[in-house]
Amino acid sequence: VGLFSNTAFNYSTLGTLAAQLAVIYLRPLQLIFRTAPLSPLQLAVCAATAASVWLVDEVVKLIRRYN
């Protein structure tokens, strides 16, 4: 299955990302949810952590495929 073949999943993922960024960076939502904006470095660490979970899963799939 291609990465962009499931459009409903892709839209829901983009919507979730947009909502999360709104809660982090829009002042009215910061006040409601008691959040603070992340620095670019903090945001990069979060993205790298999330990507590492995906990367490990892909490596496990490759190992299972060849065994």
C-alpha atoms as a PDB file:
ATOM      1  CA  VAL A   1       0.000   0.000   0.000  1.00  0.00           C
ATOM      2  CA  GLY A   2       1.425   3.358  -1.002  1.00  0.00           C
ATOM      3  CA  LEU A   3       2.109   6.069   1.546  1.00  0.00           C
ATOM      4  CA  PHE A   4      -0.449   8.471   0.065  1.00  0.00           C
ATOM      5  CA  SER A   5      -3.030   5.954  -1.153  1.00  0.00           C
ATOM      6  CA  ASN A   6      -5.342   6.245   1.877  1.00  0.00           C
ATOM      7  CA  THR A   7      -6.655   9.800   1.526  1.00  0.00           C
ATOM      8  CA  ALA A   8      -8.973   9.638   4.551  1.00  0.00           C
ATOM      9  CA  PHE A   9      -6.052   8.654   6.759  1.00  0.00           C
ATOM     10  CA  ASN A  10      -3.854  11.375   5.263  1.00  0.00           C
ATOM     11  CA  TYR A  11      -6.497  14.064   5.834  1.00  0.00           C
ATOM     12  CA  SER A  12      -7.090  12.933   9.392  1.00  0.00           C
ATOM     13  CA  THR A  13      -3.340  12.935  10.066  1.00  0.00           C
ATOM     14  CA  LEU A  14      -2.965  16.437   8.648  1.00  0.00           C
ATOM     15  CA  GLY A  15      -5.970  17.615  10.661  1.00  0.00           C
ATOM     16  CA  THR A  16      -4.507  16.189  13.851  1.00  0.00           C
ATOM     17  CA  LEU A  17      -1.162  17.845  13.157  1.00  0.00           C
ATOM     18  CA  ALA A  18      -2.855  21.185  12.448  1.00  0.00           C
ATOM     19  CA  ALA A  19      -4.890  20.945  15.657  1.00  0.00           C
ATOM     20  CA  GLN A  20      -1.792  20.116  17.700  1.00  0.00           C
ATOM     21  CA  LEU A  21       0.141  23.036  16.224  1.00  0.00           C
ATOM     22  CA  ALA A  22      -2.818  25.343  16.854  1.00  0.00           C
ATOM     23  CA  VAL A  23      -2.922  24.352  20.525  1.00  0.00           C
ATOM     24  CA  ILE A  24       0.820  24.953  20.810  1.00  0.00           C
ATOM     25  CA  TYR A  25       1.114  28.237  18.896  1.00  0.00           C
ATOM     26  CA  LEU A  26      -2.233  30.093  18.967  1.00  0.00           C
ATOM     27  CA  ARG A  27      -2.461  32.300  22.060  1.00  0.00           C
ATOM     28  CA  PRO A  28      -6.185  31.764  22.827  1.00  0.00           C
ATOM     29  CA  LEU A  29      -5.706  28.010  22.722  1.00  0.00           C
ATOM     30  CA  GLN A  30      -2.505  28.284  24.770  1.00  0.00           C
ATOM     31  CA  LEU A  31      -4.522  29.922  27.533  1.00  0.00           C
ATOM     32  CA  ILE A  32      -7.246  27.264  27.445  1.00  0.00           C
ATOM     33  CA  PHE A  33      -4.907  24.261  27.312  1.00  0.00           C
ATOM     34  CA  ARG A  34      -2.070  25.862  29.341  1.00  0.00           C
ATOM     35  CA  THR A  35       0.588  25.214  26.710  1.00  0.00           C
ATOM     36  CA  ALA A  36       3.663  27.148  25.697  1.00  0.00           C
ATOM     37  CA  PRO A  37       5.173  27.469  22.228  1.00  0.00           C
ATOM     38  CA  LEU A  38       7.999  25.101  21.385  1.00  0.00           C
ATOM     39  CA  SER A  39      11.327  26.290  20.065  1.00  0.00           C
ATOM     40  CA  PRO A  40      12.417  24.942  16.679  1.00  0.00           C
ATOM     41  CA  LEU A  41      14.852  22.601  18.444  1.00  0.00           C
ATOM     42  CA  GLN A  42      12.144  21.237  20.744  1.00  0.00           C
ATOM     43  CA  LEU A  43       9.835  20.721  17.785  1.00  0.00           C
ATOM     44  CA  ALA A  44      12.630  18.920  15.909  1.00  0.00           C
ATOM     45  CA  VAL A  45      13.233  16.612  18.888  1.00  0.00           C
ATOM     46  CA  CYS A  46       9.513  15.765  18.991  1.00  0.00           C
ATOM     47  CA  ALA A  47       9.460  15.063  15.256  1.00  0.00           C
ATOM     48  CA  ALA A  48      12.621  12.928  15.470  1.00  0.00           C
ATOM     49  CA  THR A  49      11.161  10.920  18.346  1.00  0.00           C
ATOM     50  CA  ALA A  50       7.960  10.289  16.401  1.00  0.00           C
ATOM     51  CA  ALA A  51       9.958   9.369  13.296  1.00  0.00           C
ATOM     52  CA  SER A  52      12.097   6.933  15.290  1.00  0.00           C
ATOM     53  CA  VAL A  53       9.011   4.878  16.169  1.00  0.00           C
ATOM     54  CA  TRP A  54       8.134   4.646  12.467  1.00  0.00           C
ATOM     55  CA  LEU A  55      11.748   3.800  11.558  1.00  0.00           C
ATOM     56  CA  VAL A  56      11.978   0.979  14.117  1.00  0.00           C
ATOM     57  CA  ASP A  57       8.674  -0.430  12.872  1.00  0.00           C
ATOM     58  CA  GLU A  58       9.946  -0.425   9.282  1.00  0.00           C
ATOM     59  CA  VAL A  59      13.169  -2.187  10.314  1.00  0.00           C
ATOM     60  CA  VAL A  60      11.144  -4.848  12.157  1.00  0.00           C
ATOM     61  CA  LYS A  61       9.034  -5.360   9.006  1.00  0.00           C
ATOM     62  CA  LEU A  62      12.178  -5.807   6.906  1.00  0.00           C
ATOM     63  CA  ILE A  63      13.644  -8.317   9.354  1.00  0.00           C
ATOM     64  CA  ARG A  64      10.395 -10.309   9.397  1.00  0.00           C
ATOM     65  CA  ARG A  65      10.195 -10.247   5.616  1.00  0.00           C
ATOM     66  CA  TYR A  66      13.679 -11.741   5.191  1.00  0.00           C
ATOM     67  CA  ASN A  67      13.310 -14.379   7.923  1.00  0.00           C
END
